[in-house]
C-alpha atoms as a PDB file:
ATOM      1  CA  UNK A   1     123.831   8.061  91.443  1.00  0.00           C
ATOM      2  CA  UNK A   2     122.993   9.586  94.817  1.00  0.00           C
ATOM      3  CA  UNK A   3     125.705  10.361  97.366  1.00  0.00           C
ATOM      4  CA  UNK A   4     127.883  12.969  99.120  1.00  0.00           C
ATOM      5  CA  UNK A   5     130.131  15.122  96.946  1.00  0.00           C
ATOM      6  CA  UNK A   6     133.389  16.515  98.321  1.00  0.00           C
ATOM      7  CA  UNK A   7     133.094  20.169  99.337  1.00  0.00           C
ATOM      8  CA  UNK A   8     136.382  21.596 100.621  1.00  0.00           C
ATOM      9  CA  UNK A   9     134.931  24.942 101.720  1.00  0.00           C
ATOM     10  CA  UNK A  10     132.255  23.242 103.823  1.00  0.00           C
ATOM     11  CA  UNK A  11     134.684  20.703 105.318  1.00  0.00           C
ATOM     12  CA  UNK A  12     133.093  17.723 103.535  1.00  0.00           C
ATOM     13  CA  UNK A  13     136.364  15.919 102.880  1.00  0.00           C
ATOM     14  CA  UNK A  14     135.883  12.664 104.764  1.00  0.00           C
ATOM     15  CA  UNK A  15     136.131   9.063 103.652  1.00  0.00           C
ATOM     16  CA  UNK A  16     132.532   8.813 102.429  1.00  0.00           C
ATOM     17  CA  UNK A  17     132.873  11.730 100.009  1.00  0.00           C
ATOM     18  CA  UNK A  18     136.219  10.409  98.779  1.00  0.00           C
ATOM     19  CA  UNK A  19     134.849   6.898  98.188  1.00  0.00           C
ATOM     20  CA  UNK A  20     131.803   8.267  96.366  1.00  0.00           C
ATOM     21  CA  UNK A  21     134.096  10.476  94.281  1.00  0.00           C
ATOM     22  CA  UNK A  22     136.161   7.479  93.196  1.00  0.00           C
ATOM     23  CA  UNK A  23     132.961   5.679  92.181  1.00  0.00           C
ATOM     24  CA  UNK A  24     131.651   8.547  90.069  1.00  0.00           C
ATOM     25  CA  UNK A  25     135.101   9.144  88.565  1.00  0.00           C
ATOM     26  CA  UNK A  26     135.162   5.509  87.461  1.00  0.00           C
ATOM     27  CA  UNK A  27     131.749   5.867  85.810  1.00  0.00           C
ATOM     28  CA  UNK A  28     132.927   8.972  83.947  1.00  0.00           C
ATOM     29  CA  UNK A  29     136.162   7.307  82.865  1.00  0.00           C
ATOM     30  CA  UNK A  30     134.336   4.250  81.525  1.00  0.00           C
ATOM     31  CA  UNK A  31     131.648   6.285  79.738  1.00  0.00           C
ATOM     32  CA  UNK A  32     128.697   5.070  81.777  1.00  0.00           C
ATOM     33  CA  UNK A  33     125.454   7.048  81.469  1.00  0.00           C
ATOM     34  CA  UNK A  34     124.436   8.443  84.845  1.00  0.00           C
ATOM     35  CA  UNK A  35     123.068  11.516  86.557  1.00  0.00           C
ATOM     36  CA  UNK A  36     124.599  12.709  89.834  1.00  0.00           C
ATOM     37  CA  UNK A  37     122.517  13.846  92.812  1.00  0.00           C
ATOM     38  CA  UNK A  38     124.452  15.338  95.728  1.00  0.00           C
ATOM     39  CA  UNK A  39     123.065  14.376  99.150  1.00  0.00           C
ATOM     40  CA  UNK A  40     124.920  17.376 100.618  1.00  0.00           C
ATOM     41  CA  UNK A  41     123.659  19.983  98.132  1.00  0.00           C
ATOM     42  CA  UNK A  42     123.201  22.390 101.070  1.00  0.00           C
ATOM     43  CA  UNK A  43     126.251  21.478 103.189  1.00  0.00           C
ATOM     44  CA  UNK A  44     125.864  23.656 106.292  1.00  0.00           C
ATOM     45  CA  UNK A  45     123.385  25.615 108.369  1.00  0.00           C
ATOM     46  CA  UNK A  46     119.633  25.124 108.880  1.00  0.00           C
ATOM     47  CA  UNK A  47     119.207  24.721 105.130  1.00  0.00           C
ATOM     48  CA  UNK A  48     120.637  21.218 105.416  1.00  0.00           C
ATOM     49  CA  UNK A  49     117.158  20.101 106.469  1.00  0.00           C
ATOM     50  CA  UNK A  50     116.060  20.723 102.882  1.00  0.00           C
ATOM     51  CA  UNK A  51     118.518  18.197 101.416  1.00  0.00           C
ATOM     52  CA  UNK A  52     116.097  15.216 101.506  1.00  0.00           C
ATOM     53  CA  UNK A  53     113.460  17.249  99.634  1.00  0.00           C
ATOM     54  CA  UNK A  54     116.045  18.305  97.047  1.00  0.00           C
ATOM     55  CA  UNK A  55     117.109  14.664  96.558  1.00  0.00           C
ATOM     56  CA  UNK A  56     113.552  13.414  96.085  1.00  0.00           C
ATOM     57  CA  UNK A  57     112.737  16.230  93.651  1.00  0.00           C
ATOM     58  CA  UNK A  58     115.845  15.508  91.594  1.00  0.00           C
ATOM     59  CA  UNK A  59     115.054  11.785  91.547  1.00  0.00           C
ATOM     60  CA  UNK A  60     111.551  12.521  90.267  1.00  0.00           C
ATOM     61  CA  UNK A  61     112.967  14.636  87.446  1.00  0.00           C
ATOM     62  CA  UNK A  62     115.213  11.739  86.343  1.00  0.00           C
ATOM     63  CA  UNK A  63     112.957   8.815  87.051  1.00  0.00           C
ATOM     64  CA  UNK A  64     111.618   8.220  83.514  1.00  0.00           C
ATOM     65  CA  UNK A  65     115.190   8.254  82.171  1.00  0.00           C
ATOM     66  CA  UNK A  66     116.713   5.895  84.721  1.00  0.00           C
ATOM     67  CA  UNK A  67     116.988   2.129  85.144  1.00  0.00           C
ATOM     68  CA  UNK A  68     118.590   2.135  88.592  1.00  0.00           C
ATOM     69  CA  UNK A  69     118.414   4.263  91.720  1.00  0.00           C
ATOM     70  CA  UNK A  70     121.793   3.840  93.447  1.00  0.00           C
ATOM     71  CA  UNK A  71     121.956   5.400  96.920  1.00  0.00           C
ATOM     72  CA  UNK A  72     125.302   5.818  98.704  1.00  0.00           C
ATOM     73  CA  UNK A  73     124.806   7.172 102.209  1.00  0.00           C
ATOM     74  CA  UNK A  74     125.542   7.009 105.919  1.00  0.00           C
ATOM     75  CA  UNK A  75     123.151   6.593 108.843  1.00  0.00           C
ATOM     76  CA  UNK A  76     120.840   9.515 107.995  1.00  0.00           C
ATOM     77  CA  UNK A  77     120.178   8.169 104.526  1.00  0.00           C
ATOM     78  CA  UNK A  78     119.552   4.682 105.878  1.00  0.00           C
ATOM     79  CA  UNK A  79     116.767   5.924 108.127  1.00  0.00           C
ATOM     80  CA  UNK A  80     115.063   8.497 105.914  1.00  0.00           C
ATOM     81  CA  UNK A  81     116.028   8.136 102.257  1.00  0.00           C
ATOM     82  CA  UNK A  82     116.052   4.369 101.825  1.00  0.00           C
ATOM     83  CA  UNK A  83     112.294   3.848 102.476  1.00  0.00           C
ATOM     84  CA  UNK A  84     111.268   6.684 100.135  1.00  0.00           C
ATOM     85  CA  UNK A  85     113.643   5.806  97.310  1.00  0.00           C
ATOM     86  CA  UNK A  86     112.861   2.094  97.589  1.00  0.00           C
ATOM     87  CA  UNK A  87     109.157   2.897  97.228  1.00  0.00           C
ATOM     88  CA  UNK A  88     109.767   5.154  94.215  1.00  0.00           C
ATOM     89  CA  UNK A  89     111.858   2.439  92.590  1.00  0.00           C
ATOM     90  CA  UNK A  90     109.088  -0.093  92.983  1.00  0.00           C
ATOM     91  CA  UNK A  91     106.368   2.269  91.760  1.00  0.00           C
ATOM     92  CA  UNK A  92     108.330   3.132  88.604  1.00  0.00           C
ATOM     93  CA  UNK A  93     109.719  -0.381  88.068  1.00  0.00           C
ATOM     94  CA  UNK A  94     113.370   0.545  88.639  1.00  0.00           C
ATOM     95  CA  UNK A  95     116.119  -1.356  90.402  1.00  0.00           C
ATOM     96  CA  UNK A  96     117.124  -0.050  93.822  1.00  0.00           C
ATOM     97  CA  UNK A  97     120.740  -0.414  94.965  1.00  0.00           C
ATOM     98  CA  UNK A  98     121.891   0.660  98.423  1.00  0.00           C
ATOM     99  CA  UNK A  99     125.450   1.146  99.664  1.00  0.00           C
ATOM    100  CA  UNK A 100     125.812   2.278 103.296  1.00  0.00           C
ATOM    101  CA  UNK A 101     129.170   3.802 104.152  1.00  0.00           C
ATOM    102  CA  UNK A 102     131.165   2.614 107.164  1.00  0.00           C
ATOM    103  CA  UNK A 103     131.037  -0.518 109.227  1.00  0.00           C
ATOM    104  CA  UNK A 104     128.401   0.381 111.807  1.00  0.00           C
ATOM    105  CA  UNK A 105     125.051  -0.078 110.034  1.00  0.00           C
ATOM    106  CA  UNK A 106     124.258  -3.138 112.137  1.00  0.00           C
ATOM    107  CA  UNK A 107     124.910  -1.116 115.304  1.00  0.00           C
ATOM    108  CA  UNK A 108     122.806   1.946 114.627  1.00  0.00           C
ATOM    109  CA  UNK A 109     119.906   0.028 113.076  1.00  0.00           C
ATOM    110  CA  UNK A 110     119.801  -2.151 116.197  1.00  0.00           C
ATOM    111  CA  UNK A 111     118.768   1.001 118.095  1.00  0.00           C
ATOM    112  CA  UNK A 112     115.820   1.712 115.795  1.00  0.00           C
ATOM    113  CA  UNK A 113     112.331   1.571 117.251  1.00  0.00           C
ATOM    114  CA  UNK A 114     109.967  -1.194 116.227  1.00  0.00           C
ATOM    115  CA  UNK A 115     108.492   0.721 113.274  1.00  0.00           C
ATOM    116  CA  UNK A 116     111.908   1.786 111.982  1.00  0.00           C
ATOM    117  CA  UNK A 117     113.180  -1.794 112.170  1.00  0.00           C
ATOM    118  CA  UNK A 118     110.178  -2.951 110.156  1.00  0.00           C
ATOM    119  CA  UNK A 119     110.905  -0.311 107.511  1.00  0.00           C
ATOM    120  CA  UNK A 120     114.579  -1.273 107.356  1.00  0.00           C
ATOM    121  CA  UNK A 121     113.748  -4.952 106.989  1.00  0.00           C
ATOM    122  CA  UNK A 122     111.255  -4.295 104.197  1.00  0.00           C
ATOM    123  CA  UNK A 123     113.228  -1.710 102.235  1.00  0.00           C
ATOM    124  CA  UNK A 124     116.997  -1.764 102.765  1.00  0.00           C
ATOM    125  CA  UNK A 125     117.149  -5.532 103.163  1.00  0.00           C
ATOM    126  CA  UNK A 126     114.972  -5.967 100.079  1.00  0.00           C
ATOM    127  CA  UNK A 127     117.114  -3.778  97.864  1.00  0.00           C
ATOM    128  CA  UNK A 128     117.988  -5.419  94.561  1.00  0.00           C
ATOM    129  CA  UNK A 129     121.609  -5.150  95.699  1.00  0.00           C
ATOM    130  CA  UNK A 130     122.718  -4.336  99.247  1.00  0.00           C
ATOM    131  CA  UNK A 131     126.416  -3.431  99.023  1.00  0.00           C
ATOM    132  CA  UNK A 132     128.383  -3.872 102.258  1.00  0.00           C
ATOM    133  CA  UNK A 133     131.876  -2.673 103.032  1.00  0.00           C
ATOM    134  CA  UNK A 134     133.245  -5.387 105.328  1.00  0.00           C
ATOM    135  CA  UNK A 135     133.338  -9.158 105.752  1.00  0.00           C
ATOM    136  CA  UNK A 136     131.954  -8.676 109.249  1.00  0.00           C
ATOM    137  CA  UNK A 137     128.803  -7.095 107.812  1.00  0.00           C
ATOM    138  CA  UNK A 138     128.540  -9.766 105.117  1.00  0.00           C
ATOM    139  CA  UNK A 139     128.517 -12.431 107.833  1.00  0.00           C
ATOM    140  CA  UNK A 140     126.046 -10.493 109.978  1.00  0.00           C
ATOM    141  CA  UNK A 141     123.472 -10.193 107.178  1.00  0.00           C
ATOM    142  CA  UNK A 142     124.069 -13.657 105.740  1.00  0.00           C
ATOM    143  CA  UNK A 143     120.759 -14.995 107.103  1.00  0.00           C
ATOM    144  CA  UNK A 144     118.678 -11.912 106.288  1.00  0.00           C
ATOM    145  CA  UNK A 145     117.718 -13.037 102.749  1.00  0.00           C
ATOM    146  CA  UNK A 146     119.193  -9.789 101.456  1.00  0.00           C
ATOM    147  CA  UNK A 147     121.136  -9.804  98.189  1.00  0.00           C
ATOM    148  CA  UNK A 148     124.414  -8.736  99.774  1.00  0.00           C
ATOM    149  CA  UNK A 149     127.602  -8.106  97.807  1.00  0.00           C
ATOM    150  CA  UNK A 150     130.836  -6.813  99.302  1.00  0.00           C
ATOM    151  CA  UNK A 151     131.945  -3.414  98.003  1.00  0.00           C
ATOM    152  CA  UNK A 152     135.219  -2.646  99.766  1.00  0.00           C
ATOM    153  CA  UNK A 153     136.887   0.708 100.174  1.00  0.00           C
ATOM    154  CA  UNK A 154     139.246   1.246  97.239  1.00  0.00           C
ATOM    155  CA  UNK A 155     141.612   3.857  95.889  1.00  0.00           C
ATOM    156  CA  UNK A 156     143.426   4.667  92.649  1.00  0.00           C
ATOM    157  CA  UNK A 157     146.932   3.341  92.145  1.00  0.00           C
ATOM    158  CA  UNK A 158     149.290   6.316  92.515  1.00  0.00           C
ATOM    159  CA  UNK A 159     150.990   7.719  89.453  1.00  0.00           C
ATOM    160  CA  UNK A 160     154.689   7.007  89.184  1.00  0.00           C
ATOM    161  CA  UNK A 161     155.935  10.376  90.403  1.00  0.00           C
ATOM    162  CA  UNK A 162     154.315   9.970  93.830  1.00  0.00           C
ATOM    163  CA  UNK A 163     155.278   6.349  94.425  1.00  0.00           C
ATOM    164  CA  UNK A 164     157.769   6.012  97.246  1.00  0.00           C
ATOM    165  CA  UNK A 165     160.394   3.776  95.749  1.00  0.00           C
ATOM    166  CA  UNK A 166     163.043   2.110  97.900  1.00  0.00           C
ATOM    167  CA  UNK A 167     164.368   4.609 100.393  1.00  0.00           C
ATOM    168  CA  UNK A 168     165.703   4.479 103.951  1.00  0.00           C
ATOM    169  CA  UNK A 169     163.530   4.375 107.049  1.00  0.00           C
ATOM    170  CA  UNK A 170     163.623   7.663 108.976  1.00  0.00           C
ATOM    171  CA  UNK A 171     161.128   7.231 111.871  1.00  0.00           C
ATOM    172  CA  UNK A 172     158.513   9.462 110.259  1.00  0.00           C
ATOM    173  CA  UNK A 173     154.954   8.710 111.417  1.00  0.00           C
ATOM    174  CA  UNK A 174     151.735  10.313 110.190  1.00  0.00           C
ATOM    175  CA  UNK A 175     148.060  10.422 111.215  1.00  0.00           C
ATOM    176  CA  UNK A 176     145.433  11.541 108.701  1.00  0.00           C
ATOM    177  CA  UNK A 177     141.750  11.835 109.551  1.00  0.00           C
ATOM    178  CA  UNK A 178     139.218  13.692 111.626  1.00  0.00           C
ATOM    179  CA  UNK A 179     140.615  15.093 114.861  1.00  0.00           C
ATOM    180  CA  UNK A 180     138.526  13.832 117.758  1.00  0.00           C
ATOM    181  CA  UNK A 181     138.915  11.726 120.869  1.00  0.00           C
ATOM    182  CA  UNK A 182     137.460   8.582 119.280  1.00  0.00           C
ATOM    183  CA  UNK A 183     140.258   8.528 116.712  1.00  0.00           C
ATOM    184  CA  UNK A 184     142.817   8.011 119.502  1.00  0.00           C
ATOM    185  CA  UNK A 185     144.472  11.413 119.183  1.00  0.00           C
ATOM    186  CA  UNK A 186     145.169  11.648 122.925  1.00  0.00           C
ATOM    187  CA  UNK A 187     147.137   8.393 122.828  1.00  0.00           C
ATOM    188  CA  UNK A 188     149.065   9.490 119.749  1.00  0.00           C
ATOM    189  CA  UNK A 189     150.051  12.769 121.425  1.00  0.00           C
ATOM    190  CA  UNK A 190     151.154  10.882 124.535  1.00  0.00           C
ATOM    191  CA  UNK A 191     153.178   8.443 122.402  1.00  0.00           C
ATOM    192  CA  UNK A 192     154.861  11.297 120.542  1.00  0.00           C
ATOM    193  CA  UNK A 193     155.837  12.898 123.837  1.00  0.00           C
ATOM    194  CA  UNK A 194     157.318   9.640 125.139  1.00  0.00           C
ATOM    195  CA  UNK A 195     159.232   8.899 121.938  1.00  0.00           C
ATOM    196  CA  UNK A 196     160.849  12.317 121.932  1.00  0.00           C
ATOM    197  CA  UNK A 197     162.814  14.155 119.267  1.00  0.00           C
ATOM    198  CA  UNK A 198     164.188  11.035 117.585  1.00  0.00           C
ATOM    199  CA  UNK A 199     160.752  10.444 116.021  1.00  0.00           C
ATOM    200  CA  UNK A 200     158.756  12.746 113.729  1.00  0.00           C
ATOM    201  CA  UNK A 201     155.006  12.507 114.398  1.00  0.00           C
ATOM    202  CA  UNK A 202     152.644  14.682 112.344  1.00  0.00           C
ATOM    203  CA  UNK A 203     148.855  14.944 112.498  1.00  0.00           C
ATOM    204  CA  UNK A 204     146.666  16.102 109.586  1.00  0.00           C
ATOM    205  CA  UNK A 205     142.918  16.598 109.451  1.00  0.00           C
ATOM    206  CA  UNK A 206     139.977  18.869 110.250  1.00  0.00           C
ATOM    207  CA  UNK A 207     139.418  19.457 113.965  1.00  0.00           C
ATOM    208  CA  UNK A 208     136.031  18.104 115.070  1.00  0.00           C
ATOM    209  CA  UNK A 209     136.535  18.296 118.866  1.00  0.00           C
ATOM    210  CA  UNK A 210     137.292  21.957 119.535  1.00  0.00           C
ATOM    211  CA  UNK A 211     139.396  21.217 122.614  1.00  0.00           C
ATOM    212  CA  UNK A 212     142.229  20.128 120.357  1.00  0.00           C
ATOM    213  CA  UNK A 213     142.734  23.640 119.022  1.00  0.00           C
ATOM    214  CA  UNK A 214     144.285  24.668 122.352  1.00  0.00           C
ATOM    215  CA  UNK A 215     146.207  21.404 122.645  1.00  0.00           C
ATOM    216  CA  UNK A 216     147.785  21.830 119.222  1.00  0.00           C
ATOM    217  CA  UNK A 217     148.878  25.354 120.052  1.00  0.00           C
ATOM    218  CA  UNK A 218     151.090  23.730 122.663  1.00  0.00           C
ATOM    219  CA  UNK A 219     152.339  21.230 120.026  1.00  0.00           C
ATOM    220  CA  UNK A 220     152.793  23.431 116.930  1.00  0.00           C
ATOM    221  CA  UNK A 221     155.184  21.025 115.202  1.00  0.00           C
ATOM    222  CA  UNK A 222     152.799  18.069 115.428  1.00  0.00           C
ATOM    223  CA  UNK A 223     149.570  19.440 113.931  1.00  0.00           C
ATOM    224  CA  UNK A 224     149.861  20.221 110.218  1.00  0.00           C
ATOM    225  CA  UNK A 225     146.277  21.276 109.461  1.00  0.00           C
ATOM    226  CA  UNK A 226     143.650  19.686 107.189  1.00  0.00           C
ATOM    227  CA  UNK A 227     144.732  17.789 104.095  1.00  0.00           C
ATOM    228  CA  UNK A 228     142.495  17.764 101.047  1.00  0.00           C
ATOM    229  CA  UNK A 229     142.004  14.946  98.577  1.00  0.00           C
ATOM    230  CA  UNK A 230     144.361  16.229  95.889  1.00  0.00           C
ATOM    231  CA  UNK A 231     147.247  16.472  98.376  1.00  0.00           C
ATOM    232  CA  UNK A 232     146.845  13.204 100.281  1.00  0.00           C
ATOM    233  CA  UNK A 233     149.210  10.962  98.327  1.00  0.00           C
ATOM    234  CA  UNK A 234     151.796  13.636  97.618  1.00  0.00           C
ATOM    235  CA  UNK A 235     151.988  14.296 101.380  1.00  0.00           C
ATOM    236  CA  UNK A 236     151.848  10.721 102.666  1.00  0.00           C
ATOM    237  CA  UNK A 237     154.782   9.744 100.461  1.00  0.00           C
ATOM    238  CA  UNK A 238     157.163  11.695 102.700  1.00  0.00           C
ATOM    239  CA  UNK A 239     156.354   9.510 105.733  1.00  0.00           C
ATOM    240  CA  UNK A 240     157.274   5.956 106.676  1.00  0.00           C
ATOM    241  CA  UNK A 241     154.323   4.616 108.701  1.00  0.00           C
ATOM    242  CA  UNK A 242     150.639   5.550 109.025  1.00  0.00           C
ATOM    243  CA  UNK A 243     149.257   5.548 112.590  1.00  0.00           C
ATOM    244  CA  UNK A 244     145.513   5.173 113.202  1.00  0.00           C
ATOM    245  CA  UNK A 245     144.817   4.372 116.899  1.00  0.00           C
ATOM    246  CA  UNK A 246     141.050   4.606 116.413  1.00  0.00           C
ATOM    247  CA  UNK A 247     138.093   3.438 118.480  1.00  0.00           C
ATOM    248  CA  UNK A 248     135.543   5.402 116.426  1.00  0.00           C
ATOM    249  CA  UNK A 249     132.112   3.733 116.326  1.00  0.00           C
ATOM    250  CA  UNK A 250     131.596   4.198 112.569  1.00  0.00           C
ATOM    251  CA  UNK A 251     134.880   2.653 111.422  1.00  0.00           C
ATOM    252  CA  UNK A 252     134.685   0.288 108.461  1.00  0.00           C
ATOM    253  CA  UNK A 253     137.624  -0.066 106.087  1.00  0.00           C
ATOM    254  CA  UNK A 254     139.338   3.303 106.634  1.00  0.00           C
ATOM    255  CA  UNK A 255     140.276   4.780 103.274  1.00  0.00           C
ATOM    256  CA  UNK A 256     143.476   6.240 104.672  1.00  0.00           C
ATOM    257  CA  UNK A 257     144.795   2.726 105.341  1.00  0.00           C
ATOM    258  CA  UNK A 258     144.201   1.842 101.690  1.00  0.00           C
ATOM    259  CA  UNK A 259     145.911   5.066 100.588  1.00  0.00           C
ATOM    260  CA  UNK A 260     148.904   4.305 102.796  1.00  0.00           C
ATOM    261  CA  UNK A 261     149.198   0.789 101.356  1.00  0.00           C
ATOM    262  CA  UNK A 262     149.115   2.171  97.814  1.00  0.00           C
ATOM    263  CA  UNK A 263     152.346   4.054  98.550  1.00  0.00           C
ATOM    264  CA  UNK A 264     153.992   1.240 100.456  1.00  0.00           C
ATOM    265  CA  UNK A 265     153.410   2.669 103.934  1.00  0.00           C
ATOM    266  CA  UNK A 266     152.791   0.008 106.587  1.00  0.00           C
ATOM    267  CA  UNK A 267     150.119   0.837 109.161  1.00  0.00           C
ATOM    268  CA  UNK A 268     149.734   0.775 112.921  1.00  0.00           C
ATOM    269  CA  UNK A 269     146.059   0.534 113.872  1.00  0.00           C
ATOM    270  CA  UNK A 270     143.715  -1.054 116.383  1.00  0.00           C
ATOM    271  CA  UNK A 271     141.922  -4.345 116.825  1.00  0.00           C
ATOM    272  CA  UNK A 272     138.686  -2.489 116.288  1.00  0.00           C
ATOM    273  CA  UNK A 273     135.614  -3.224 114.181  1.00  0.00           C
ATOM    274  CA  UNK A 274     136.681  -4.533 110.743  1.00  0.00           C
ATOM    275  CA  UNK A 275     140.213  -3.129 110.714  1.00  0.00           C
ATOM    276  CA  UNK A 276     141.829  -6.560 111.402  1.00  0.00           C
ATOM    277  CA  UNK A 277     140.242  -7.710 108.124  1.00  0.00           C
ATOM    278  CA  UNK A 278     142.532  -5.388 106.141  1.00  0.00           C
ATOM    279  CA  UNK A 279     145.606  -5.125 108.373  1.00  0.00           C
ATOM    280  CA  UNK A 280     147.744  -8.270 108.365  1.00  0.00           C
ATOM    281  CA  UNK A 281     149.482  -8.116 111.718  1.00  0.00           C
ATOM    282  CA  UNK A 282     153.233  -8.541 111.325  1.00  0.00           C
ATOM    283  CA  UNK A 283     153.032  -8.281 107.514  1.00  0.00           C
ATOM    284  CA  UNK A 284     151.410  -5.037 106.346  1.00  0.00           C
ATOM    285  CA  UNK A 285     151.650  -3.383 109.757  1.00  0.00           C
ATOM    286  CA  UNK A 286     150.892  -3.917 113.425  1.00  0.00           C
ATOM    287  CA  UNK A 287     147.645  -4.237 115.385  1.00  0.00           C
ATOM    288  CA  UNK A 288     147.320  -2.852 118.909  1.00  0.00           C
ATOM    289  CA  UNK A 289     144.508  -2.706 121.439  1.00  0.00           C
ATOM    290  CA  UNK A 290     142.351   0.429 121.408  1.00  0.00           C
ATOM    291  CA  UNK A 291     143.181   3.109 124.007  1.00  0.00           C
ATOM    292  CA  UNK A 292     146.631   1.670 124.770  1.00  0.00           C
ATOM    293  CA  UNK A 293     149.415   4.242 124.685  1.00  0.00           C
ATOM    294  CA  UNK A 294     151.960   1.641 125.814  1.00  0.00           C
ATOM    295  CA  UNK A 295     151.168  -0.673 122.894  1.00  0.00           C
ATOM    296  CA  UNK A 296     151.209   2.265 120.495  1.00  0.00           C
ATOM    297  CA  UNK A 297     154.679   3.306 121.635  1.00  0.00           C
ATOM    298  CA  UNK A 298     155.947  -0.282 121.379  1.00  0.00           C
ATOM    299  CA  UNK A 299     154.535  -0.623 117.851  1.00  0.00           C
ATOM    300  CA  UNK A 300     156.184   2.605 116.726  1.00  0.00           C
ATOM    301  CA  UNK A 301     159.505   1.438 118.176  1.00  0.00           C
ATOM    302  CA  UNK A 302     159.125  -1.927 116.405  1.00  0.00           C
ATOM    303  CA  UNK A 303     159.939  -0.527 112.968  1.00  0.00           C
ATOM    304  CA  UNK A 304     163.611  -0.183 112.081  1.00  0.00           C
ATOM    305  CA  UNK A 305     165.937  -0.081 109.083  1.00  0.00           C
ATOM    306  CA  UNK A 306     166.199  -3.874 109.025  1.00  0.00           C
ATOM    307  CA  UNK A 307     162.500  -4.787 108.915  1.00  0.00           C
ATOM    308  CA  UNK A 308     160.956  -1.738 107.239  1.00  0.00           C
ATOM    309  CA  UNK A 309     161.467  -2.629 103.584  1.00  0.00           C
ATOM    310  CA  UNK A 310     159.660  -5.969 103.905  1.00  0.00           C
ATOM    311  CA  UNK A 311     156.664  -4.297 105.583  1.00  0.00           C
ATOM    312  CA  UNK A 312     156.608  -1.649 102.857  1.00  0.00           C
ATOM    313  CA  UNK A 313     156.692  -4.177 100.010  1.00  0.00           C
ATOM    314  CA  UNK A 314     153.960  -6.265 101.671  1.00  0.00           C
ATOM    315  CA  UNK A 315     151.721  -3.201 102.009  1.00  0.00           C
ATOM    316  CA  UNK A 316     152.027  -2.232  98.351  1.00  0.00           C
ATOM    317  CA  UNK A 317     151.505  -5.799  97.149  1.00  0.00           C
ATOM    318  CA  UNK A 318     148.397  -6.133  99.343  1.00  0.00           C
ATOM    319  CA  UNK A 319     146.965  -2.973  97.802  1.00  0.00           C
ATOM    320  CA  UNK A 320     147.613  -4.104  94.237  1.00  0.00           C
ATOM    321  CA  UNK A 321     145.749  -7.378  94.745  1.00  0.00           C
ATOM    322  CA  UNK A 322     142.808  -6.188  96.855  1.00  0.00           C
ATOM    323  CA  UNK A 323     142.044  -2.479  96.843  1.00  0.00           C
ATOM    324  CA  UNK A 324     142.790  -0.958  93.434  1.00  0.00           C
ATOM    325  CA  UNK A 325     139.723   1.122  92.554  1.00  0.00           C
ATOM    326  CA  UNK A 326     139.221  -0.069  88.995  1.00  0.00           C
ATOM    327  CA  UNK A 327     139.153  -3.728  90.047  1.00  0.00           C
ATOM    328  CA  UNK A 328     136.805  -3.191  92.999  1.00  0.00           C
ATOM    329  CA  UNK A 329     134.433  -0.766  91.285  1.00  0.00           C
ATOM    330  CA  UNK A 330     134.261  -2.773  88.063  1.00  0.00           C
ATOM    331  CA  UNK A 331     133.004  -5.770  90.056  1.00  0.00           C
ATOM    332  CA  UNK A 332     130.282  -3.645  91.669  1.00  0.00           C
ATOM    333  CA  UNK A 333     129.107  -2.063  88.413  1.00  0.00           C
ATOM    334  CA  UNK A 334     129.177  -5.442  86.678  1.00  0.00           C
ATOM    335  CA  UNK A 335     126.888  -6.802  89.404  1.00  0.00           C
ATOM    336  CA  UNK A 336     124.403  -4.011  88.670  1.00  0.00           C
ATOM    337  CA  UNK A 337     124.557  -4.642  84.921  1.00  0.00           C
ATOM    338  CA  UNK A 338     123.953  -8.356  85.481  1.00  0.00           C
ATOM    339  CA  UNK A 339     120.950  -7.407  87.583  1.00  0.00           C
ATOM    340  CA  UNK A 340     119.520  -5.411  84.678  1.00  0.00           C
ATOM    341  CA  UNK A 341     120.106  -8.300  82.246  1.00  0.00           C
ATOM    342  CA  UNK A 342     117.982 -10.535  84.441  1.00  0.00           C
END
């Protein structure tokens, strides 16, 4: 099992590390036999350049024990690790499984040079299983002859003491994620200003674009700082609606949407990438156009005490039937086991 492990001190707390953590937690809980290799063993500084060498060395130490090499990675791993690990798998007669995070693999691989495209076609697309996050990607690679299987973002069902229950709507809106321009933070700040004191709007997450540090000093009640994995659900439960006005290029199925659904929070997000696949407009939340402050304000005003409960119940029901981690991960692991039986 190769992938990024959450590291709070180094700021590695994003969706990829959380999704990989849920996968490895499931394997531990079900007693599966695996060895874990952290792709971010050296998380910061110039030493990060040594991570690929560490990964390959660790793989070589495990290779006579293993049946499967399972790589979970983002764009860097797609370019550099996939060809090497695919080759090692073939040399040592192992299965190679690849799961790219996010929804933009088709976009960044389209910019590869001719040699890189050849490598991608003859390694990643020839993986024994090529897990993809979204329906959009499944359709895109349908004619590639790759063995594609959808592996959606998933989350654990909250324990009873953090579930929301039926409670009144209080105009409390929350954003959780990286703080940068591509996540639509400017539009959310403008919407909060227009809505005024009758609405509570809070922003959580690590600041990636440094300019926001000065902006948040002028809005001290809006920015609440970073929020780590063990506090996500216990914090989200105090809000009514999640707001994600993103136009970030790497967006797939944002984990925070799934987390919001698990608590019964409806979601306002954008018609962007694969998000419309998991946000049922008018049922589990509202879709708006990217970069539209006016539509964001209108969507936030749409929720009221009369319609909120139905949205909330729809969101929780949608989670239960589509995104519960044990259901989703069991299907993926079963696919790998069936591969080994063959």
